[in-house]
Amino acid sequence: MHPTMQATTTSVPRFQIPEEVRNIAGFLGDLRRDITLRDVRSGLWYTKLLRSYLAFYEKHRSLIDTDKLSPVERDELVQKRTRRTAIRTTLAGAAAAGGVTLASIATAQSGLVAGPVVLPLAGVGMVSEMVLRSIWHLQLVCELAELHGMRVNAGRETEIIRLYALAVHAEMHQTEDDPGRGLVERVVRLQQAGGLGKLIASNLVGEMFMRNAVPFADLVMSSLRNWQLTEQVGEFVQGYASRRVTLDKAVEAVDRKSQNGDAVDLVVEGIWFIFITDGRLTGIETALLAHMMRGLETSDDLTTYFVSDEAGWLERLAQLGDDRELRELALNALHVAAQIEGPMTPQKLAILRRAAQTLGLNPPPEAVRKSEPAAPQNA
């Protein structure tokens, strides 16, 4: 062989499969062995997928020092990873829908002869897309949470399930007159019983069939729905993680100072009243309350105090004790809750003033300014 030709031949690089693809392929292989047909029928497959993925993510996570990120750098990474996931899920949705459409055409043109072959293949494509989208969404949840300082690792299955169920509206308000007590109770109860994973699984399967029910139209519906859902999940996780990290510091300070846990119960109850000042609980607010109740092991009957009238809460708050530092920490936690959730409205400031008065403390500065009477106008 000519030397020049030999050099040219040996210089051609070999094609290498990206590491991320190899890792995901290995994860899917392990997942296939872990999930049984019984899990598929019972709806436990999503819980198993989540548990396996968190262990996988902890092993293969990309280490980023979030403390050194500026807000602009963090926002850029958030947008980049959300867009990447949206593109992936959109392409996967279009591919699965295209398979369903082609299977329908082939079945019709062959006089149903091709149906037994192509329809199962289309079904496999639909299920594969559903599983891949679930994995990519879990990856997005973990990455965005950590970019906002919320550590994600194996053992946080219940929190992630709760987040995803509320983000995709698998769990939501069921009555118009309830500001959110019923929703919090269901999220906490289903979380403890493992029901949220089954609820998400049922939601995913139902949506899969709905999106692919109409050939040709499913191409548009699947693509748009996957893009929209990915942005919805990303926005929810950002809102939750940033608030949760800030609120945790304030409430955990109360927990460390409290002797019997009563102070934490009172603070969480007060946060409930702050959250409902502008109407019903949002999904993020519901997730925050459920997180604090489970993470801080509040009283089992705490939600019975989630009512619209705060008079009873103020009476119990007055019995917090003589420890001034504990009372200051409790008021600070309420102040933080009011700050992180939207603008500081007159209703929130009124709660802070009443809480400060009950605790024998000075209200936050902005509450004082808002409560001062207006200066008289010159004629």
Protein backbone atom coordinates (compact mmCIF):
# COMPACT_ATOMS: atom_id res chain seq x y z
CA MET A 1 0.00 0.00 0.00
CA HIS A 2 1.22 3.47 -0.83
CA PRO A 3 2.63 5.26 2.30
CA THR A 4 0.44 8.29 1.78
CA MET A 5 -2.68 6.15 1.44
CA GLN A 6 -1.71 4.18 4.55
CA ALA A 7 -1.25 7.35 6.58
CA THR A 8 -4.59 8.67 5.40
CA THR A 9 -6.32 5.42 6.29
CA THR A 10 -4.92 5.15 9.79
CA SER A 11 -5.66 8.81 10.58
CA VAL A 12 -9.43 8.39 10.24
CA PRO A 13 -10.83 8.50 13.81
CA ARG A 14 -13.14 5.76 14.98
CA PHE A 15 -16.73 6.62 15.76
CA GLN A 16 -17.26 6.65 19.52
CA ILE A 17 -20.60 6.54 21.27
CA PRO A 18 -20.97 9.55 23.63
CA GLU A 19 -20.52 8.67 27.29
CA GLU A 20 -23.99 9.96 28.21
CA VAL A 21 -25.61 7.66 25.63
CA ARG A 22 -23.64 4.67 26.92
CA ASN A 23 -24.63 5.46 30.50
CA ILE A 24 -28.32 5.83 29.66
CA ALA A 25 -28.25 2.61 27.61
CA GLY A 26 -26.75 0.77 30.58
CA PHE A 27 -29.33 2.29 32.90
CA LEU A 28 -32.20 1.21 30.62
CA GLY A 29 -30.77 -2.31 30.51
CA ASP A 30 -30.71 -2.50 34.31
CA LEU A 31 -34.18 -0.96 34.50
CA ARG A 32 -35.58 -3.56 32.13
CA ARG A 33 -34.43 -6.29 34.50
CA ASP A 34 -35.74 -4.51 37.61
CA ILE A 35 -39.27 -3.70 36.42
CA THR A 36 -41.60 -6.67 36.13
CA LEU A 37 -44.94 -7.08 34.39
CA ARG A 38 -46.57 -6.95 37.82
CA ASP A 39 -45.04 -3.50 38.38
CA VAL A 40 -46.47 -2.32 35.07
CA ARG A 41 -49.95 -3.53 35.98
CA SER A 42 -49.84 -2.12 39.51
CA GLY A 43 -48.37 1.26 38.52
CA LEU A 44 -45.25 0.77 40.64
CA TRP A 45 -43.03 1.01 37.58
CA TYR A 46 -42.65 4.80 37.92
CA THR A 47 -41.57 4.58 41.56
CA LYS A 48 -38.99 1.94 40.64
CA LEU A 49 -37.81 4.03 37.70
CA LEU A 50 -37.39 7.06 39.95
CA ARG A 51 -35.55 5.14 42.65
CA SER A 52 -33.18 3.62 40.11
CA TYR A 53 -32.62 6.93 38.35
CA LEU A 54 -31.70 8.81 41.53
CA ALA A 55 -29.06 6.18 42.29
CA PHE A 56 -27.84 6.48 38.68
CA TYR A 57 -27.81 10.28 38.84
CA GLU A 58 -25.84 10.29 42.08
CA LYS A 59 -23.19 8.13 40.43
CA HIS A 60 -22.96 10.10 37.18
CA ARG A 61 -23.82 13.63 38.30
CA SER A 62 -21.85 16.51 36.76
CA LEU A 63 -20.13 18.35 39.57
CA ILE A 64 -20.83 22.09 39.44
CA ASP A 65 -19.90 24.46 42.23
CA THR A 66 -23.20 26.34 42.41
CA ASP A 67 -21.84 28.71 45.06
CA LYS A 68 -19.48 30.21 42.49
CA LEU A 69 -22.17 30.74 39.86
CA SER A 70 -23.44 34.26 39.31
CA PRO A 71 -27.22 34.70 38.83
CA VAL A 72 -26.62 35.30 35.11
CA GLU A 73 -24.54 32.11 34.76
CA ARG A 74 -27.15 30.12 36.65
CA ASP A 75 -29.96 31.42 34.45
CA GLU A 76 -27.97 30.58 31.32
CA LEU A 77 -27.40 27.01 32.50
CA VAL A 78 -31.06 26.65 33.46
CA GLN A 79 -32.22 27.84 30.04
CA LYS A 80 -29.68 25.67 28.24
CA ARG A 81 -30.65 22.48 30.05
CA THR A 82 -34.37 23.15 29.83
CA ARG A 83 -34.08 23.81 26.09
CA ARG A 84 -31.97 20.66 25.61
CA THR A 85 -34.58 18.54 27.36
CA ALA A 86 -37.43 20.21 25.47
CA ILE A 87 -35.76 19.43 22.13
CA ARG A 88 -35.13 15.82 23.10
CA THR A 89 -38.66 15.17 24.31
CA THR A 90 -40.18 16.96 21.32
CA LEU A 91 -38.20 14.85 18.84
CA ALA A 92 -39.04 11.67 20.76
CA GLY A 93 -42.73 12.60 20.80
CA ALA A 94 -42.71 13.30 17.07
CA ALA A 95 -40.95 10.00 16.35
CA ALA A 96 -43.42 7.97 18.41
CA ALA A 97 -46.39 9.76 16.86
CA GLY A 98 -44.93 9.23 13.41
CA GLY A 99 -44.73 5.51 14.14
CA VAL A 100 -48.40 5.44 15.11
CA THR A 101 -49.38 7.32 11.95
CA LEU A 102 -47.33 5.04 9.68
CA ALA A 103 -48.76 1.98 11.40
CA SER A 104 -52.28 3.27 10.82
CA ILE A 105 -51.57 3.91 7.14
CA ALA A 106 -49.94 0.51 6.64
CA THR A 107 -52.83 -1.25 8.39
CA ALA A 108 -55.44 0.57 6.30
CA GLN A 109 -53.68 0.07 2.95
CA SER A 110 -53.05 -3.62 3.57
CA GLY A 111 -56.65 -4.33 4.48
CA LEU A 112 -55.73 -4.95 8.14
CA VAL A 113 -53.21 -7.63 7.15
CA ALA A 114 -50.22 -5.63 8.40
CA GLY A 115 -51.97 -4.68 11.64
CA PRO A 116 -50.68 -7.55 13.82
CA VAL A 117 -47.10 -6.59 12.90
CA VAL A 118 -47.00 -2.80 12.72
CA LEU A 119 -49.41 -1.92 15.52
CA PRO A 120 -47.38 -3.67 18.26
CA LEU A 121 -44.26 -1.93 16.94
CA ALA A 122 -46.05 1.41 17.18
CA GLY A 123 -47.06 0.53 20.74
CA VAL A 124 -43.45 -0.22 21.64
CA GLY A 125 -42.48 3.16 20.22
CA MET A 126 -45.12 4.92 22.32
CA VAL A 127 -44.02 3.20 25.53
CA SER A 128 -40.35 3.84 24.78
CA GLU A 129 -41.07 7.53 24.26
CA MET A 130 -42.99 7.70 27.54
CA VAL A 131 -40.12 6.10 29.47
CA LEU A 132 -37.44 8.23 27.80
CA ARG A 133 -39.41 11.42 28.46
CA SER A 134 -39.81 10.41 32.10
CA ILE A 135 -36.05 9.87 32.42
CA TRP A 136 -35.19 13.16 30.71
CA HIS A 137 -37.66 15.00 32.92
CA LEU A 138 -36.13 13.43 36.02
CA GLN A 139 -32.71 14.48 34.78
CA LEU A 140 -33.99 18.03 34.32
CA VAL A 141 -35.55 18.05 37.80
CA CYS A 142 -32.29 16.93 39.40
CA GLU A 143 -30.09 19.33 37.44
CA LEU A 144 -32.24 22.42 37.97
CA ALA A 145 -32.70 21.62 41.66
CA GLU A 146 -28.95 21.40 42.19
CA LEU A 147 -28.31 24.56 40.20
CA HIS A 148 -30.48 26.34 42.79
CA GLY A 149 -28.62 24.79 45.72
CA MET A 150 -30.99 21.91 46.47
CA ARG A 151 -28.99 18.71 46.84
CA VAL A 152 -30.50 15.68 45.11
CA ASN A 153 -29.43 12.13 45.94
CA ALA A 154 -30.75 8.63 46.52
CA GLY A 155 -33.28 8.68 49.33
CA ARG A 156 -35.19 11.75 48.10
CA GLU A 157 -37.68 9.72 46.08
CA THR A 158 -40.72 11.02 47.96
CA GLU A 159 -39.81 14.66 47.46
CA ILE A 160 -39.14 14.24 43.74
CA ILE A 161 -42.37 12.26 43.26
CA ARG A 162 -44.27 15.00 45.06
CA LEU A 163 -42.67 17.67 42.86
CA TYR A 164 -43.38 15.88 39.61
CA ALA A 165 -46.97 15.01 40.54
CA LEU A 166 -47.74 18.66 41.25
CA ALA A 167 -45.70 19.96 38.31
CA VAL A 168 -47.57 17.91 35.70
CA HIS A 169 -50.93 18.37 37.50
CA ALA A 170 -51.30 14.66 38.24
CA GLU A 171 -52.47 15.92 41.63
CA MET A 172 -54.40 19.20 41.91
CA HIS A 173 -57.29 20.94 43.67
CA GLN A 174 -60.53 18.95 43.57
CA THR A 175 -62.98 21.52 44.99
CA GLU A 176 -63.46 25.21 44.34
CA ASP A 177 -64.08 26.29 47.93
CA ASP A 178 -61.01 24.67 49.53
CA PRO A 179 -57.96 26.99 49.61
CA GLY A 180 -55.66 23.97 49.68
CA ARG A 181 -56.03 21.94 52.86
CA GLY A 182 -57.42 18.93 51.00
CA LEU A 183 -54.63 19.06 48.43
CA VAL A 184 -51.91 19.14 51.11
CA GLU A 185 -53.53 16.25 52.96
CA ARG A 186 -53.77 14.13 49.79
CA VAL A 187 -50.19 14.83 48.77
CA VAL A 188 -48.85 13.90 52.21
CA ARG A 189 -51.11 10.85 52.59
CA LEU A 190 -50.49 9.49 49.10
CA GLN A 191 -46.78 10.16 49.50
CA GLN A 192 -46.67 8.06 52.66
CA ALA A 193 -48.64 5.22 51.06
CA GLY A 194 -46.69 5.24 47.77
CA GLY A 195 -49.78 6.39 45.91
CA LEU A 196 -48.21 9.40 44.21
CA GLY A 197 -45.98 7.18 42.08
CA LYS A 198 -49.00 5.17 40.96
CA LEU A 199 -50.89 8.39 40.26
CA ILE A 200 -48.07 9.69 38.05
CA ALA A 201 -47.84 6.36 36.23
CA SER A 202 -51.58 6.40 35.51
CA ASN A 203 -51.35 10.01 34.34
CA LEU A 204 -48.45 9.24 31.98
CA VAL A 205 -50.16 6.22 30.44
CA GLY A 206 -53.46 8.06 29.97
CA GLU A 207 -51.74 11.02 28.35
CA MET A 208 -49.72 8.72 26.08
CA PHE A 209 -52.89 7.22 24.58
CA MET A 210 -54.65 10.59 24.38
CA ARG A 211 -51.80 12.25 22.48
CA ASN A 212 -51.54 9.43 19.98
CA ALA A 213 -55.26 8.75 19.51
CA VAL A 214 -55.62 10.56 16.16
CA PRO A 215 -53.16 9.73 13.34
CA PHE A 216 -51.50 12.75 11.65
CA ALA A 217 -52.81 15.10 14.35
CA ASP A 218 -50.72 13.21 16.89
CA LEU A 219 -47.54 14.50 15.25
CA VAL A 220 -48.42 18.06 16.21
CA MET A 221 -50.04 17.22 19.53
CA SER A 222 -47.17 15.07 20.81
CA SER A 223 -44.50 17.54 19.78
CA LEU A 224 -46.19 20.60 21.24
CA ARG A 225 -47.30 18.80 24.39
CA ASN A 226 -43.81 17.50 25.16
CA TRP A 227 -42.26 20.93 24.67
CA GLN A 228 -44.92 22.59 26.81
CA LEU A 229 -44.70 19.95 29.55
CA THR A 230 -40.91 20.19 29.72
CA GLU A 231 -41.01 23.96 30.17
CA GLN A 232 -43.78 23.52 32.76
CA VAL A 233 -41.67 21.06 34.77
CA GLY A 234 -38.59 23.28 34.51
CA GLU A 235 -40.44 26.37 35.69
CA PHE A 236 -42.01 24.50 38.60
CA VAL A 237 -38.72 23.02 39.82
CA GLN A 238 -36.93 26.38 39.64
CA GLY A 239 -39.67 28.07 41.65
CA TYR A 240 -39.74 25.31 44.23
CA ALA A 241 -36.00 24.79 44.69
CA SER A 242 -35.13 28.48 45.08
CA ARG A 243 -37.89 29.00 47.65
CA ARG A 244 -37.26 25.74 49.46
CA VAL A 245 -33.55 26.43 50.03
CA THR A 246 -34.27 29.89 51.44
CA LEU A 247 -37.22 28.81 53.58
CA ASP A 248 -35.44 25.72 54.92
CA LYS A 249 -32.73 27.82 56.53
CA ALA A 250 -35.25 29.94 58.42
CA VAL A 251 -37.55 27.11 59.54
CA GLU A 252 -34.73 24.74 60.48
CA ALA A 253 -33.31 27.47 62.75
CA VAL A 254 -36.62 27.38 64.63
CA ASP A 255 -36.48 23.58 64.75
CA ARG A 256 -32.98 23.59 66.27
CA LYS A 257 -34.01 26.08 68.95
CA SER A 258 -37.35 24.48 69.76
CA GLN A 259 -37.45 21.92 72.55
CA ASN A 260 -40.62 19.98 71.74
CA GLY A 261 -41.50 20.84 68.14
CA ASP A 262 -44.50 23.01 68.98
CA ALA A 263 -42.76 26.10 67.60
CA VAL A 264 -42.22 24.40 64.24
CA ASP A 265 -45.90 23.44 64.04
CA LEU A 266 -46.89 27.04 64.76
CA VAL A 267 -44.49 28.39 62.14
CA VAL A 268 -45.72 25.98 59.45
CA GLU A 269 -49.30 26.88 60.34
CA GLY A 270 -48.43 30.57 60.04
CA ILE A 271 -46.83 29.95 56.65
CA TRP A 272 -50.13 28.38 55.56
CA PHE A 273 -51.95 31.64 56.40
CA ILE A 274 -49.34 33.67 54.52
CA PHE A 275 -49.61 31.43 51.46
CA ILE A 276 -53.41 31.68 51.22
CA THR A 277 -53.59 35.47 51.55
CA ASP A 278 -53.74 35.75 47.75
CA GLY A 279 -56.17 32.86 47.25
CA ARG A 280 -55.73 29.13 46.86
CA LEU A 281 -52.42 27.38 47.33
CA THR A 282 -50.30 27.08 44.23
CA GLY A 283 -48.58 23.80 43.40
CA ILE A 284 -45.26 25.18 44.64
CA GLU A 285 -46.79 26.33 47.93
CA THR A 286 -48.40 22.91 48.38
CA ALA A 287 -45.05 21.20 47.77
CA LEU A 288 -43.31 23.49 50.27
CA LEU A 289 -45.86 22.82 53.02
CA ALA A 290 -45.73 19.06 52.42
CA HIS A 291 -41.92 19.15 52.45
CA MET A 292 -41.81 20.97 55.78
CA MET A 293 -44.44 18.73 57.34
CA ARG A 294 -42.63 15.53 56.40
CA GLY A 295 -39.04 16.76 56.71
CA LEU A 296 -39.57 18.34 60.14
CA GLU A 297 -41.97 15.64 61.35
CA THR A 298 -44.76 17.98 62.37
CA SER A 299 -47.86 16.79 64.22
CA ASP A 300 -50.01 14.32 62.30
CA ASP A 301 -53.10 16.50 62.83
CA LEU A 302 -51.45 19.77 61.77
CA THR A 303 -53.63 20.13 58.67
CA THR A 304 -56.73 20.34 60.88
CA TYR A 305 -55.52 23.87 61.70
CA PHE A 306 -55.28 24.78 58.00
CA VAL A 307 -58.40 26.95 58.03
CA SER A 308 -59.24 30.45 56.82
CA ASP A 309 -59.44 32.16 60.23
CA GLU A 310 -56.12 32.83 61.93
CA ALA A 311 -57.57 33.73 65.35
CA GLY A 312 -56.92 30.28 66.81
CA TRP A 313 -53.38 30.28 65.50
CA LEU A 314 -52.63 33.64 67.14
CA GLU A 315 -53.93 32.31 70.46
CA ARG A 316 -51.60 29.32 70.28
CA LEU A 317 -48.74 31.53 69.07
CA ALA A 318 -49.07 33.63 72.23
CA GLN A 319 -48.16 30.52 74.25
CA LEU A 320 -44.87 29.98 72.44
CA GLY A 321 -42.80 30.69 75.55
CA ASP A 322 -40.47 33.21 77.12
CA ASP A 323 -37.44 32.46 74.93
CA ARG A 324 -37.04 35.70 72.99
CA GLU A 325 -34.57 34.20 70.53
CA LEU A 326 -37.05 31.45 69.63
CA ARG A 327 -39.83 34.01 69.11
CA GLU A 328 -37.52 36.11 66.91
CA LEU A 329 -36.60 33.05 64.83
CA ALA A 330 -40.29 32.18 64.42
CA LEU A 331 -41.17 35.70 63.25
CA ASN A 332 -38.19 35.69 60.90
CA ALA A 333 -39.36 32.41 59.32
CA LEU A 334 -42.80 33.94 58.71
CA HIS A 335 -41.14 37.03 57.24
CA VAL A 336 -39.04 34.88 54.88
CA ALA A 337 -42.16 32.97 53.77
CA ALA A 338 -43.90 36.26 52.99
CA GLN A 339 -40.91 37.54 51.02
CA ILE A 340 -40.29 34.49 48.83
CA GLU A 341 -43.86 34.05 47.64
CA GLY A 342 -44.70 36.99 45.41
CA PRO A 343 -44.93 40.67 46.33
CA MET A 344 -45.27 41.81 49.95
CA THR A 345 -49.01 42.50 49.89
CA PRO A 346 -50.97 44.39 52.57
CA GLN A 347 -52.56 41.09 53.62
CA LYS A 348 -49.17 39.47 54.27
CA LEU A 349 -47.93 42.54 56.12
CA ALA A 350 -51.05 42.48 58.30
CA ILE A 351 -50.31 38.87 59.31
CA LEU A 352 -46.72 39.76 60.13
CA ARG A 353 -47.85 42.71 62.26
CA ARG A 354 -50.35 40.59 64.18
CA ALA A 355 -47.79 37.83 64.68
CA ALA A 356 -45.18 40.32 65.92
CA GLN A 357 -47.66 41.89 68.32
CA THR A 358 -48.65 38.46 69.65
CA LEU A 359 -45.00 37.52 70.16
CA GLY A 360 -44.17 40.85 71.81
CA LEU A 361 -41.70 41.77 69.07
CA ASN A 362 -41.20 44.62 66.64
CA PRO A 363 -42.69 43.88 63.21
CA PRO A 364 -40.46 43.85 60.11
CA PRO A 365 -39.54 47.37 58.89
CA GLU A 366 -41.74 47.25 55.80
CA ALA A 367 -44.70 46.21 57.93
CA VAL A 368 -44.17 49.24 60.15
CA ARG A 369 -44.00 51.58 57.19
CA LYS A 370 -47.13 50.14 55.67
CA SER A 371 -49.06 50.41 58.91
CA GLU A 372 -48.17 54.04 59.62
CA PRO A 373 -51.00 56.52 58.88
CA ALA A 374 -50.56 58.69 55.87
CA ALA A 375 -49.27 62.20 56.46
CA PRO A 376 -51.96 64.93 56.24
CA GLN A 377 -52.16 66.70 52.93
CA ASN A 378 -51.86 70.51 52.78
CA ALA A 379 -55.00 72.23 51.66
